[in-house]
Amino acid sequence: MDAPRLDLDRTTTALLTGLFDPRNAAAWEAFDRRYRPILVGFARNCGARDNDAAEIAQETIVRFVEEYRAGKYDRSRGRLGAWLVTIARYRLLDIRRRAGTARITSGERAMVDLDDERSLGATYEAQRRQSLLREALEELRTNTRTDPRTVKAFEMLVYHGLSTQVVAEQMAMSTHDVYLAKSRVAAKLREIVLRLESEYEEAPGEWEGSDARPSAGLAP
């Protein structure tokens, strides 16, 4: 049962082809699984509260699929991510208007200028990279023979910011082994990320000059 999903997830092209068919629930689920976490993180980093970020992600995905099935998305005009950002930006502006303020208040989160395309692109790209790294790390855990202790040591060192000495003590490893764990896992993650980048067909750094725009009906 898992093979069809993996085949569908293999490239963005295959995924978008599947989305054309409204009856293809697997394509919808794969698209949602890939882009929802990115969009939620993007919205939160633009200042949206958690519940608003979830709503923005949902509305963005639904609107994109509608636009795509209507033939309004042209990949030759820009990255899929740029199109999603444009839709999400309108939803963010809607929330700001409903709140009657020029800003979305959300604790002490830094605000992103919604009129600055470069900032929006950088914010989305950061979330996309984080999502990609999470997926790569999960694949490393489940689909390779990498020692779980090695992966755990890497996470403690890199993601939790613990010192080499602390990691070595907690994992009953030598400091040399901790350094080796970091090096080995980092190398494997780089390989997986490069492959995922190729399969997702969305190389970073292509935001400037993008002409991706949803239909005029979305304009605020």
N, C-alpha and C. Protein backbone atom coordinates (compact mmCIF):
# COMPACT_ATOMS: atom_id res chain seq x y z
N MET A 1 0.81 -1.21 0.00
CA MET A 1 0.00 0.00 0.00
C MET A 1 0.85 1.26 0.00
N ASP A 2 2.10 1.19 0.51
CA ASP A 2 2.92 2.39 0.60
C ASP A 2 3.55 2.78 -0.73
N ALA A 3 3.77 1.81 -1.63
CA ALA A 3 4.51 2.10 -2.86
C ALA A 3 3.86 3.18 -3.71
N PRO A 4 2.53 3.17 -3.94
CA PRO A 4 1.94 4.22 -4.75
C PRO A 4 2.17 5.60 -4.18
N ARG A 5 2.11 5.74 -2.83
CA ARG A 5 2.31 7.05 -2.24
C ARG A 5 3.73 7.53 -2.47
N LEU A 6 4.70 6.62 -2.34
CA LEU A 6 6.09 6.99 -2.54
C LEU A 6 6.33 7.39 -3.98
N ASP A 7 5.72 6.66 -4.92
CA ASP A 7 5.86 7.02 -6.33
C ASP A 7 5.26 8.39 -6.59
N LEU A 8 4.13 8.66 -5.98
CA LEU A 8 3.45 9.94 -6.18
C LEU A 8 4.28 11.08 -5.61
N ASP A 9 4.94 10.82 -4.49
CA ASP A 9 5.74 11.86 -3.84
C ASP A 9 7.06 12.12 -4.56
N ARG A 10 7.41 11.27 -5.52
CA ARG A 10 8.77 11.30 -6.03
C ARG A 10 9.14 12.66 -6.62
N THR A 11 8.31 13.27 -7.42
CA THR A 11 8.61 14.58 -7.99
C THR A 11 7.42 15.49 -7.90
N THR A 12 7.69 16.78 -7.94
CA THR A 12 6.61 17.75 -7.94
C THR A 12 5.77 17.61 -9.19
N THR A 13 6.40 17.28 -10.31
CA THR A 13 5.67 17.11 -11.55
C THR A 13 4.63 16.00 -11.42
N ALA A 14 5.03 14.85 -10.86
CA ALA A 14 4.09 13.75 -10.67
C ALA A 14 2.97 14.14 -9.72
N LEU A 15 3.32 14.89 -8.70
CA LEU A 15 2.33 15.30 -7.71
C LEU A 15 1.30 16.25 -8.34
N LEU A 16 1.77 17.22 -9.10
CA LEU A 16 0.85 18.16 -9.74
C LEU A 16 -0.02 17.47 -10.78
N THR A 17 0.55 16.52 -11.49
CA THR A 17 -0.24 15.76 -12.46
C THR A 17 -1.39 15.05 -11.75
N GLY A 18 -1.10 14.46 -10.59
CA GLY A 18 -2.14 13.78 -9.84
C GLY A 18 -3.22 14.72 -9.33
N LEU A 19 -2.85 15.96 -9.04
CA LEU A 19 -3.82 16.92 -8.50
C LEU A 19 -4.89 17.31 -9.52
N PHE A 20 -4.62 17.10 -10.79
CA PHE A 20 -5.61 17.46 -11.81
C PHE A 20 -6.91 16.66 -11.63
N ASP A 21 -6.80 15.47 -11.09
CA ASP A 21 -7.97 14.60 -10.92
C ASP A 21 -8.56 14.81 -9.53
N PRO A 22 -9.76 15.40 -9.40
CA PRO A 22 -10.37 15.65 -8.09
C PRO A 22 -10.59 14.38 -7.29
N ARG A 23 -10.62 13.24 -7.97
CA ARG A 23 -10.84 11.97 -7.28
C ARG A 23 -9.55 11.37 -6.72
N ASN A 24 -8.44 11.97 -7.05
CA ASN A 24 -7.15 11.44 -6.62
C ASN A 24 -6.83 11.94 -5.21
N ALA A 25 -7.38 11.26 -4.22
CA ALA A 25 -7.18 11.67 -2.83
C ALA A 25 -5.71 11.55 -2.42
N ALA A 26 -5.00 10.58 -2.99
CA ALA A 26 -3.59 10.39 -2.64
C ALA A 26 -2.75 11.60 -3.02
N ALA A 27 -3.07 12.20 -4.18
CA ALA A 27 -2.33 13.39 -4.62
C ALA A 27 -2.58 14.56 -3.68
N TRP A 28 -3.84 14.73 -3.30
CA TRP A 28 -4.19 15.82 -2.38
C TRP A 28 -3.45 15.63 -1.05
N GLU A 29 -3.48 14.41 -0.53
CA GLU A 29 -2.85 14.14 0.75
C GLU A 29 -1.33 14.36 0.69
N ALA A 30 -0.72 13.95 -0.43
CA ALA A 30 0.72 14.13 -0.58
C ALA A 30 1.08 15.61 -0.67
N PHE A 31 0.28 16.37 -1.42
CA PHE A 31 0.52 17.81 -1.54
C PHE A 31 0.36 18.48 -0.18
N ASP A 32 -0.70 18.12 0.52
CA ASP A 32 -0.97 18.69 1.83
C ASP A 32 0.15 18.35 2.81
N ARG A 33 0.60 17.11 2.78
CA ARG A 33 1.65 16.66 3.69
C ARG A 33 2.96 17.41 3.42
N ARG A 34 3.21 17.73 2.18
CA ARG A 34 4.46 18.42 1.83
C ARG A 34 4.42 19.90 2.17
N TYR A 35 3.32 20.57 1.85
CA TYR A 35 3.32 22.03 1.92
C TYR A 35 2.64 22.63 3.14
N ARG A 36 1.76 21.89 3.81
CA ARG A 36 1.09 22.47 4.98
C ARG A 36 2.08 22.89 6.08
N PRO A 37 3.02 22.03 6.48
CA PRO A 37 3.96 22.48 7.53
C PRO A 37 4.76 23.71 7.13
N ILE A 38 5.12 23.79 5.85
CA ILE A 38 5.88 24.95 5.38
C ILE A 38 5.03 26.21 5.49
N LEU A 39 3.79 26.12 5.08
CA LEU A 39 2.91 27.29 5.09
C LEU A 39 2.54 27.71 6.50
N VAL A 40 2.34 26.75 7.40
CA VAL A 40 2.06 27.09 8.79
C VAL A 40 3.25 27.85 9.39
N GLY A 41 4.46 27.32 9.18
CA GLY A 41 5.65 28.00 9.68
C GLY A 41 5.84 29.36 9.06
N PHE A 42 5.58 29.46 7.76
CA PHE A 42 5.69 30.73 7.07
C PHE A 42 4.75 31.77 7.67
N ALA A 43 3.49 31.40 7.86
CA ALA A 43 2.50 32.33 8.40
C ALA A 43 2.87 32.75 9.82
N ARG A 44 3.32 31.80 10.62
CA ARG A 44 3.71 32.13 12.00
C ARG A 44 4.87 33.11 12.01
N ASN A 45 5.82 32.91 11.11
CA ASN A 45 6.97 33.81 11.07
C ASN A 45 6.63 35.16 10.45
N CYS A 46 5.47 35.25 9.83
CA CYS A 46 4.97 36.55 9.36
C CYS A 46 4.11 37.21 10.44
N GLY A 47 4.03 36.58 11.62
CA GLY A 47 3.35 37.19 12.75
C GLY A 47 2.01 36.62 13.10
N ALA A 48 1.51 35.63 12.35
CA ALA A 48 0.18 35.08 12.61
C ALA A 48 0.18 34.20 13.85
N ARG A 49 -0.91 34.25 14.60
CA ARG A 49 -1.08 33.34 15.73
C ARG A 49 -1.25 31.93 15.19
N ASP A 50 -1.10 30.95 16.09
CA ASP A 50 -1.12 29.56 15.68
C ASP A 50 -2.40 29.18 14.95
N ASN A 51 -3.56 29.58 15.51
CA ASN A 51 -4.83 29.20 14.86
C ASN A 51 -4.99 29.91 13.52
N ASP A 52 -4.53 31.16 13.43
CA ASP A 52 -4.59 31.87 12.16
C ASP A 52 -3.64 31.26 11.15
N ALA A 53 -2.46 30.83 11.61
CA ALA A 53 -1.47 30.22 10.71
C ALA A 53 -2.03 28.94 10.11
N ALA A 54 -2.72 28.15 10.93
CA ALA A 54 -3.33 26.91 10.44
C ALA A 54 -4.41 27.21 9.41
N GLU A 55 -5.19 28.25 9.67
CA GLU A 55 -6.25 28.65 8.73
C GLU A 55 -5.66 29.14 7.42
N ILE A 56 -4.60 29.93 7.52
CA ILE A 56 -3.95 30.46 6.32
C ILE A 56 -3.40 29.31 5.47
N ALA A 57 -2.77 28.35 6.12
CA ALA A 57 -2.22 27.21 5.39
C ALA A 57 -3.32 26.44 4.68
N GLN A 58 -4.42 26.18 5.38
CA GLN A 58 -5.54 25.46 4.78
C GLN A 58 -6.12 26.20 3.59
N GLU A 59 -6.38 27.49 3.76
CA GLU A 59 -6.97 28.28 2.68
C GLU A 59 -6.02 28.40 1.49
N THR A 60 -4.73 28.50 1.77
CA THR A 60 -3.75 28.62 0.69
C THR A 60 -3.70 27.35 -0.14
N ILE A 61 -3.70 26.20 0.52
CA ILE A 61 -3.66 24.93 -0.20
C ILE A 61 -4.91 24.74 -1.04
N VAL A 62 -6.06 25.00 -0.43
CA VAL A 62 -7.32 24.84 -1.16
C VAL A 62 -7.36 25.78 -2.36
N ARG A 63 -6.97 27.03 -2.16
CA ARG A 63 -7.03 28.00 -3.25
C ARG A 63 -6.05 27.66 -4.37
N PHE A 64 -4.86 27.19 -3.97
CA PHE A 64 -3.90 26.83 -5.01
C PHE A 64 -4.44 25.69 -5.87
N VAL A 65 -4.98 24.65 -5.24
CA VAL A 65 -5.50 23.51 -6.00
C VAL A 65 -6.63 23.96 -6.92
N GLU A 66 -7.49 24.85 -6.46
CA GLU A 66 -8.56 25.38 -7.31
C GLU A 66 -7.97 26.11 -8.51
N GLU A 67 -6.99 26.97 -8.24
CA GLU A 67 -6.34 27.73 -9.32
C GLU A 67 -5.63 26.79 -10.30
N TYR A 68 -4.98 25.79 -9.74
CA TYR A 68 -4.23 24.87 -10.57
C TYR A 68 -5.16 24.07 -11.48
N ARG A 69 -6.24 23.56 -10.94
CA ARG A 69 -7.18 22.78 -11.73
C ARG A 69 -7.89 23.63 -12.76
N ALA A 70 -7.97 24.93 -12.50
CA ALA A 70 -8.58 25.85 -13.45
C ALA A 70 -7.59 26.31 -14.52
N GLY A 71 -6.35 25.81 -14.43
CA GLY A 71 -5.34 26.14 -15.44
C GLY A 71 -4.72 27.50 -15.26
N LYS A 72 -4.78 28.06 -14.05
CA LYS A 72 -4.27 29.42 -13.83
C LYS A 72 -2.83 29.44 -13.31
N TYR A 73 -2.28 28.27 -12.99
CA TYR A 73 -0.90 28.21 -12.54
C TYR A 73 -0.01 27.74 -13.67
N ASP A 74 0.97 28.56 -14.00
CA ASP A 74 1.90 28.24 -15.08
C ASP A 74 3.29 28.13 -14.47
N ARG A 75 3.83 26.92 -14.44
CA ARG A 75 5.14 26.71 -13.80
C ARG A 75 6.26 27.45 -14.52
N SER A 76 6.06 27.76 -15.78
CA SER A 76 7.11 28.46 -16.53
C SER A 76 7.26 29.91 -16.06
N ARG A 77 6.26 30.42 -15.33
CA ARG A 77 6.29 31.81 -14.89
C ARG A 77 6.88 31.98 -13.50
N GLY A 78 7.17 30.90 -12.82
CA GLY A 78 7.76 31.02 -11.49
C GLY A 78 7.58 29.77 -10.67
N ARG A 79 8.27 29.72 -9.55
CA ARG A 79 8.23 28.56 -8.68
C ARG A 79 6.86 28.39 -8.04
N LEU A 80 6.54 27.13 -7.76
CA LEU A 80 5.30 26.83 -7.04
C LEU A 80 5.29 27.55 -5.70
N GLY A 81 6.44 27.58 -5.03
CA GLY A 81 6.51 28.24 -3.73
C GLY A 81 6.17 29.72 -3.82
N ALA A 82 6.58 30.39 -4.89
CA ALA A 82 6.27 31.81 -5.05
C ALA A 82 4.77 32.02 -5.20
N TRP A 83 4.12 31.10 -5.89
CA TRP A 83 2.67 31.18 -6.06
C TRP A 83 1.97 31.00 -4.71
N LEU A 84 2.41 30.01 -3.94
CA LEU A 84 1.84 29.77 -2.62
C LEU A 84 2.03 30.97 -1.70
N VAL A 85 3.20 31.58 -1.76
CA VAL A 85 3.47 32.75 -0.93
C VAL A 85 2.52 33.89 -1.27
N THR A 86 2.26 34.10 -2.55
CA THR A 86 1.37 35.18 -2.96
C THR A 86 -0.04 34.96 -2.43
N ILE A 87 -0.52 33.72 -2.51
CA ILE A 87 -1.85 33.42 -1.97
C ILE A 87 -1.86 33.62 -0.46
N ALA A 88 -0.84 33.09 0.22
CA ALA A 88 -0.79 33.21 1.68
C ALA A 88 -0.69 34.67 2.10
N ARG A 89 0.01 35.48 1.33
CA ARG A 89 0.13 36.91 1.66
C ARG A 89 -1.24 37.57 1.68
N TYR A 90 -2.09 37.25 0.72
CA TYR A 90 -3.43 37.84 0.70
C TYR A 90 -4.23 37.41 1.93
N ARG A 91 -4.05 36.17 2.35
CA ARG A 91 -4.75 35.70 3.54
C ARG A 91 -4.24 36.43 4.79
N LEU A 92 -2.95 36.67 4.87
CA LEU A 92 -2.37 37.43 5.97
C LEU A 92 -2.92 38.85 6.01
N LEU A 93 -3.02 39.46 4.84
CA LEU A 93 -3.58 40.81 4.77
C LEU A 93 -5.05 40.83 5.18
N ASP A 94 -5.78 39.78 4.81
CA ASP A 94 -7.18 39.68 5.21
C ASP A 94 -7.31 39.67 6.74
N ILE A 95 -6.45 38.89 7.39
CA ILE A 95 -6.50 38.80 8.84
C ILE A 95 -6.16 40.14 9.47
N ARG A 96 -5.20 40.83 8.92
CA ARG A 96 -4.84 42.14 9.45
C ARG A 96 -6.01 43.12 9.32
N ARG A 97 -6.70 43.06 8.20
CA ARG A 97 -7.83 43.96 8.01
C ARG A 97 -8.96 43.62 8.98
N ARG A 98 -9.20 42.32 9.16
CA ARG A 98 -10.27 41.92 10.08
C ARG A 98 -9.96 42.36 11.50
N ALA A 99 -8.68 42.37 11.84
CA ALA A 99 -8.28 42.80 13.17
C ALA A 99 -8.27 44.31 13.28
N GLY A 100 -8.43 45.00 12.15
CA GLY A 100 -8.45 46.45 12.16
C GLY A 100 -7.12 47.06 12.53
N THR A 101 -6.04 46.41 12.16
CA THR A 101 -4.72 46.91 12.50
C THR A 101 -3.78 46.67 11.34
N ALA A 102 -2.73 47.44 11.30
CA ALA A 102 -1.74 47.28 10.23
C ALA A 102 -0.77 46.15 10.53
N ARG A 103 -0.90 45.56 11.73
CA ARG A 103 0.00 44.48 12.10
C ARG A 103 -0.78 43.36 12.75
N ILE A 104 -0.24 42.14 12.62
CA ILE A 104 -0.78 41.00 13.35
C ILE A 104 0.03 40.89 14.63
N THR A 105 -0.63 41.03 15.78
CA THR A 105 0.10 40.92 17.03
C THR A 105 0.23 39.46 17.39
N SER A 106 1.43 39.04 17.73
CA SER A 106 1.66 37.63 18.05
C SER A 106 2.87 37.51 18.96
N GLY A 107 2.65 37.86 20.23
CA GLY A 107 3.76 37.80 21.17
C GLY A 107 4.88 38.72 20.74
N GLU A 108 6.08 38.17 20.74
CA GLU A 108 7.24 38.97 20.35
C GLU A 108 7.81 38.51 19.03
N ARG A 109 6.99 37.81 18.21
CA ARG A 109 7.49 37.36 16.92
C ARG A 109 7.86 38.55 16.04
N ALA A 110 8.96 38.40 15.35
CA ALA A 110 9.38 39.46 14.43
C ALA A 110 8.41 39.51 13.26
N MET A 111 8.08 40.72 12.84
CA MET A 111 7.17 40.89 11.72
C MET A 111 7.94 40.86 10.41
N VAL A 112 7.28 40.35 9.39
CA VAL A 112 7.83 40.36 8.04
C VAL A 112 7.02 41.36 7.24
N ASP A 113 7.71 42.21 6.50
CA ASP A 113 7.04 43.20 5.67
C ASP A 113 6.32 42.48 4.53
N LEU A 114 4.99 42.54 4.54
CA LEU A 114 4.22 41.82 3.52
C LEU A 114 4.30 42.48 2.15
N ASP A 115 4.89 43.65 2.08
CA ASP A 115 5.08 44.32 0.79
C ASP A 115 6.48 44.09 0.24
N ASP A 116 7.30 43.37 0.98
CA ASP A 116 8.68 43.12 0.57
C ASP A 116 8.78 41.69 0.03
N GLU A 117 8.79 41.54 -1.28
CA GLU A 117 8.81 40.22 -1.90
C GLU A 117 10.04 39.42 -1.50
N ARG A 118 11.17 40.10 -1.38
CA ARG A 118 12.39 39.40 -1.03
C ARG A 118 12.30 38.82 0.39
N SER A 119 11.76 39.60 1.34
CA SER A 119 11.62 39.11 2.71
C SER A 119 10.65 37.95 2.79
N LEU A 120 9.54 38.06 2.05
CA LEU A 120 8.57 36.98 2.03
C LEU A 120 9.19 35.70 1.47
N GLY A 121 9.94 35.86 0.39
CA GLY A 121 10.59 34.71 -0.22
C GLY A 121 11.60 34.07 0.71
N ALA A 122 12.38 34.90 1.42
CA ALA A 122 13.38 34.37 2.35
C ALA A 122 12.72 33.64 3.51
N THR A 123 11.59 34.17 3.98
CA THR A 123 10.87 33.54 5.08
C THR A 123 10.32 32.19 4.66
N TYR A 124 9.72 32.12 3.49
CA TYR A 124 9.22 30.84 2.97
C TYR A 124 10.36 29.86 2.76
N GLU A 125 11.44 30.35 2.17
CA GLU A 125 12.57 29.47 1.86
C GLU A 125 13.16 28.87 3.14
N ALA A 126 13.23 29.67 4.20
CA ALA A 126 13.75 29.15 5.47
C ALA A 126 12.87 28.02 5.99
N GLN A 127 11.56 28.18 5.89
CA GLN A 127 10.64 27.14 6.33
C GLN A 127 10.73 25.90 5.44
N ARG A 128 10.88 26.13 4.15
CA ARG A 128 11.01 25.00 3.23
C ARG A 128 12.25 24.19 3.54
N ARG A 129 13.34 24.87 3.83
CA ARG A 129 14.58 24.18 4.16
C ARG A 129 14.44 23.39 5.47
N GLN A 130 13.79 23.98 6.45
CA GLN A 130 13.58 23.28 7.71
C GLN A 130 12.74 22.02 7.49
N SER A 131 11.69 22.15 6.68
CA SER A 131 10.84 21.00 6.39
C SER A 131 11.63 19.92 5.66
N LEU A 132 12.49 20.34 4.74
CA LEU A 132 13.30 19.40 3.99
C LEU A 132 14.28 18.66 4.90
N LEU A 133 14.87 19.40 5.84
CA LEU A 133 15.80 18.78 6.77
C LEU A 133 15.09 17.80 7.70
N ARG A 134 13.87 18.16 8.13
CA ARG A 134 13.11 17.22 8.96
C ARG A 134 12.80 15.93 8.21
N GLU A 135 12.42 16.09 6.94
CA GLU A 135 12.12 14.91 6.13
C GLU A 135 13.37 14.07 5.91
N ALA A 136 14.49 14.75 5.67
CA ALA A 136 15.75 14.03 5.45
C ALA A 136 16.16 13.28 6.71
N LEU A 137 15.99 13.91 7.86
CA LEU A 137 16.37 13.26 9.11
C LEU A 137 15.49 12.05 9.39
N GLU A 138 14.20 12.18 9.09
CA GLU A 138 13.28 11.05 9.28
C GLU A 138 13.64 9.90 8.35
N GLU A 139 14.01 10.24 7.12
CA GLU A 139 14.42 9.19 6.18
C GLU A 139 15.70 8.51 6.65
N LEU A 140 16.60 9.31 7.20
CA LEU A 140 17.84 8.75 7.71
C LEU A 140 17.57 7.76 8.84
N ARG A 141 16.61 8.10 9.69
CA ARG A 141 16.27 7.23 10.81
C ARG A 141 15.63 5.92 10.34
N THR A 142 14.71 6.02 9.39
CA THR A 142 13.86 4.88 9.05
C THR A 142 14.35 4.05 7.86
N ASN A 143 15.09 4.68 6.94
CA ASN A 143 15.43 3.99 5.70
C ASN A 143 16.91 3.71 5.52
N THR A 144 17.72 3.97 6.54
CA THR A 144 19.15 3.67 6.46
C THR A 144 19.54 2.85 7.68
N ARG A 145 20.75 2.34 7.63
CA ARG A 145 21.25 1.53 8.74
C ARG A 145 22.07 2.36 9.73
N THR A 146 21.91 3.64 9.69
CA THR A 146 22.65 4.50 10.61
C THR A 146 22.28 4.18 12.05
N ASP A 147 23.28 4.03 12.89
CA ASP A 147 23.06 3.72 14.30
C ASP A 147 22.19 4.81 14.94
N PRO A 148 21.08 4.42 15.57
CA PRO A 148 20.21 5.42 16.23
C PRO A 148 20.95 6.29 17.24
N ARG A 149 21.95 5.72 17.92
CA ARG A 149 22.73 6.51 18.88
C ARG A 149 23.52 7.61 18.16
N THR A 150 24.01 7.29 16.97
CA THR A 150 24.73 8.29 16.18
C THR A 150 23.81 9.43 15.79
N VAL A 151 22.59 9.10 15.35
CA VAL A 151 21.61 10.13 14.97
C VAL A 151 21.22 10.95 16.19
N LYS A 152 21.01 10.28 17.32
CA LYS A 152 20.64 10.99 18.54
C LYS A 152 21.73 11.95 18.97
N ALA A 153 22.96 11.53 18.90
CA ALA A 153 24.08 12.40 19.27
C ALA A 153 24.13 13.62 18.36
N PHE A 154 23.90 13.41 17.08
CA PHE A 154 23.88 14.51 16.12
C PHE A 154 22.78 15.52 16.49
N GLU A 155 21.59 15.02 16.77
CA GLU A 155 20.47 15.91 17.11
C GLU A 155 20.76 16.70 18.38
N MET A 156 21.31 16.05 19.38
CA MET A 156 21.63 16.73 20.62
C MET A 156 22.66 17.83 20.41
N LEU A 157 23.61 17.54 19.55
CA LEU A 157 24.70 18.48 19.30
C LEU A 157 24.25 19.64 18.42
N VAL A 158 23.54 19.31 17.33
CA VAL A 158 23.21 20.32 16.32
C VAL A 158 21.89 21.03 16.61
N TYR A 159 20.84 20.26 16.93
CA TYR A 159 19.51 20.85 17.08
C TYR A 159 19.23 21.35 18.49
N HIS A 160 19.82 20.67 19.48
CA HIS A 160 19.56 21.08 20.86
C HIS A 160 20.68 21.95 21.43
N GLY A 161 21.75 22.11 20.68
CA GLY A 161 22.81 23.03 21.07
C GLY A 161 23.63 22.60 22.26
N LEU A 162 23.64 21.31 22.58
CA LEU A 162 24.44 20.84 23.70
C LEU A 162 25.92 20.77 23.32
N SER A 163 26.76 20.91 24.29
CA SER A 163 28.19 20.85 24.03
C SER A 163 28.62 19.42 23.73
N THR A 164 29.77 19.31 23.09
CA THR A 164 30.29 17.98 22.78
C THR A 164 30.49 17.16 24.04
N GLN A 165 30.99 17.81 25.08
CA GLN A 165 31.24 17.10 26.34
C GLN A 165 29.95 16.59 26.95
N VAL A 166 28.90 17.41 26.95
CA VAL A 166 27.62 17.00 27.52
C VAL A 166 27.02 15.84 26.74
N VAL A 167 27.07 15.93 25.41
CA VAL A 167 26.55 14.86 24.57
C VAL A 167 27.31 13.57 24.83
N ALA A 168 28.62 13.67 24.92
CA ALA A 168 29.44 12.49 25.16
C ALA A 168 29.07 11.84 26.49
N GLU A 169 28.85 12.65 27.52
CA GLU A 169 28.50 12.11 28.83
C GLU A 169 27.12 11.45 28.81
N GLN A 170 26.15 12.14 28.21
CA GLN A 170 24.78 11.62 28.21
C GLN A 170 24.63 10.38 27.34
N MET A 171 25.41 10.29 26.28
CA MET A 171 25.30 9.17 25.36
C MET A 171 26.34 8.08 25.63
N ALA A 172 27.15 8.28 26.68
CA ALA A 172 28.21 7.33 27.02
C ALA A 172 29.14 7.09 25.83
N MET A 173 29.52 8.19 25.19
CA MET A 173 30.42 8.14 24.03
C MET A 173 31.66 8.97 24.33
N SER A 174 32.71 8.74 23.60
CA SER A 174 33.88 9.60 23.70
C SER A 174 33.61 10.87 22.90
N THR A 175 34.33 11.94 23.20
CA THR A 175 34.15 13.18 22.44
C THR A 175 34.52 12.95 20.97
N HIS A 176 35.50 12.08 20.75
CA HIS A 176 35.89 11.76 19.37
C HIS A 176 34.73 11.11 18.63
N ASP A 177 34.02 10.19 19.29
CA ASP A 177 32.88 9.53 18.67
C ASP A 177 31.75 10.52 18.39
N VAL A 178 31.60 11.51 19.25
CA VAL A 178 30.57 12.54 19.03
C VAL A 178 30.90 13.34 17.78
N TYR A 179 32.16 13.73 17.62
CA TYR A 179 32.57 14.44 16.42
C TYR A 179 32.34 13.60 15.17
N LEU A 180 32.67 12.31 15.26
CA LEU A 180 32.46 11.42 14.13
C LEU A 180 30.98 11.30 13.80
N ALA A 181 30.14 11.22 14.84
CA ALA A 181 28.69 11.12 14.63
C ALA A 181 28.18 12.34 13.88
N LYS A 182 28.64 13.50 14.30
CA LYS A 182 28.21 14.74 13.64
C LYS A 182 28.62 14.73 12.17
N SER A 183 29.86 14.35 11.91
CA SER A 183 30.37 14.35 10.55
C SER A 183 29.64 13.36 9.66
N ARG A 184 29.43 12.15 10.18
CA ARG A 184 28.79 11.10 9.38
C ARG A 184 27.33 11.43 9.07
N VAL A 185 26.59 11.87 10.09
CA VAL A 185 25.18 12.18 9.89
C VAL A 185 25.04 13.38 8.96
N ALA A 186 25.86 14.39 9.15
CA ALA A 186 25.79 15.58 8.30
C ALA A 186 26.03 15.23 6.84
N ALA A 187 26.99 14.33 6.59
CA ALA A 187 27.29 13.93 5.21
C ALA A 187 26.12 13.19 4.59
N LYS A 188 25.50 12.28 5.36
CA LYS A 188 24.36 11.53 4.84
C LYS A 188 23.16 12.43 4.62
N LEU A 189 22.96 13.38 5.54
CA LEU A 189 21.84 14.31 5.38
C LEU A 189 22.01 15.16 4.13
N ARG A 190 23.23 15.59 3.86
CA ARG A 190 23.48 16.38 2.65
C ARG A 190 23.08 15.60 1.41
N GLU A 191 23.42 14.33 1.37
CA GLU A 191 23.06 13.50 0.22
C GLU A 191 21.55 13.39 0.06
N ILE A 192 20.85 13.17 1.17
CA ILE A 192 19.40 13.02 1.11
C ILE A 192 18.75 14.34 0.70
N VAL A 193 19.22 15.44 1.27
CA VAL A 193 18.64 16.75 0.95
C VAL A 193 18.83 17.08 -0.52
N LEU A 194 20.01 16.79 -1.06
CA LEU A 194 20.26 17.05 -2.48
C LEU A 194 19.30 16.25 -3.36
N ARG A 195 19.05 15.00 -2.98
CA ARG A 195 18.10 14.19 -3.76
C ARG A 195 16.68 14.74 -3.63
N LEU A 196 16.29 15.12 -2.42
CA LEU A 196 14.94 15.66 -2.23
C LEU A 196 14.76 16.96 -3.00
N GLU A 197 15.80 17.80 -2.99
CA GLU A 197 15.73 19.05 -3.76
C GLU A 197 15.46 18.75 -5.22
N SER A 198 16.14 17.73 -5.75
CA SER A 198 15.96 17.36 -7.14
C SER A 198 14.55 16.83 -7.38
N GLU A 199 14.05 16.01 -6.46
CA GLU A 199 12.72 15.43 -6.63
C GLU A 199 11.63 16.48 -6.48
N TYR A 200 11.86 17.44 -5.58
CA TYR A 200 10.87 18.50 -5.38
C TYR A 200 10.93 19.52 -6.52
N GLU A 201 12.03 19.52 -7.26
CA GLU A 201 12.18 20.41 -8.42
C GLU A 201 12.03 21.87 -8.04
N GLU A 202 12.54 22.22 -6.86
CA GLU A 202 12.48 23.61 -6.40
C GLU A 202 13.82 24.00 -5.83
N ALA A 203 14.75 24.32 -6.71
CA ALA A 203 16.06 24.75 -6.23
C ALA A 203 15.93 26.10 -5.53
N PRO A 204 16.70 26.33 -4.45
CA PRO A 204 16.61 27.61 -3.74
C PRO A 204 17.18 28.75 -4.54
N GLY A 205 16.85 29.98 -4.12
CA GLY A 205 17.47 31.17 -4.69
C GLY A 205 16.89 31.64 -6.00
N GLU A 206 15.61 31.32 -6.27
CA GLU A 206 15.02 31.72 -7.54
C GLU A 206 13.84 32.67 -7.37
N TRP A 207 13.85 33.43 -6.27
CA TRP A 207 12.69 34.29 -5.99
C TRP A 207 12.73 35.59 -6.78
N GLU A 208 13.91 36.18 -6.90
CA GLU A 208 14.00 37.48 -7.55
C GLU A 208 13.52 37.41 -8.99
N GLY A 209 12.65 38.32 -9.33
CA GLY A 209 12.19 38.40 -10.70
C GLY A 209 11.09 37.44 -11.04
N SER A 210 10.61 36.66 -10.08
CA SER A 210 9.54 35.71 -10.36
C SER A 210 8.28 36.44 -10.75
N ASP A 211 7.58 35.91 -11.75
CA ASP A 211 6.34 36.53 -12.22
C ASP A 211 5.13 35.72 -11.80
N ALA A 212 5.32 34.84 -10.80
CA ALA A 212 4.20 34.00 -10.38
C ALA A 212 3.16 34.83 -9.65
N ARG A 213 1.95 34.81 -10.14
CA ARG A 213 0.85 35.54 -9.52
C ARG A 213 -0.43 34.75 -9.67
N PRO A 214 -1.25 34.64 -8.59
CA PRO A 214 -2.56 34.04 -8.74
C PRO A 214 -3.45 34.95 -9.55
N SER A 215 -4.69 34.50 -9.78
CA SER A 215 -5.61 35.28 -10.61
C SER A 215 -5.95 36.60 -9.94
N ALA A 216 -6.42 37.53 -10.73
CA ALA A 216 -6.72 38.88 -10.25
C ALA A 216 -7.78 38.85 -9.16
N GLY A 217 -8.63 37.83 -9.14
CA GLY A 217 -9.68 37.76 -8.15
C GLY A 217 -9.18 37.63 -6.73
N LEU A 218 -7.91 37.31 -6.55
CA LEU A 218 -7.35 37.18 -5.21
C LEU A 218 -6.82 38.49 -4.67
N ALA A 219 -6.70 39.48 -5.49
CA ALA A 219 -6.09 40.72 -5.05
C ALA A 219 -6.85 41.32 -3.89
N PRO A 220 -6.11 41.88 -2.92
CA PRO A 220 -6.77 42.44 -1.75
C PRO A 220 -7.51 43.72 -2.11
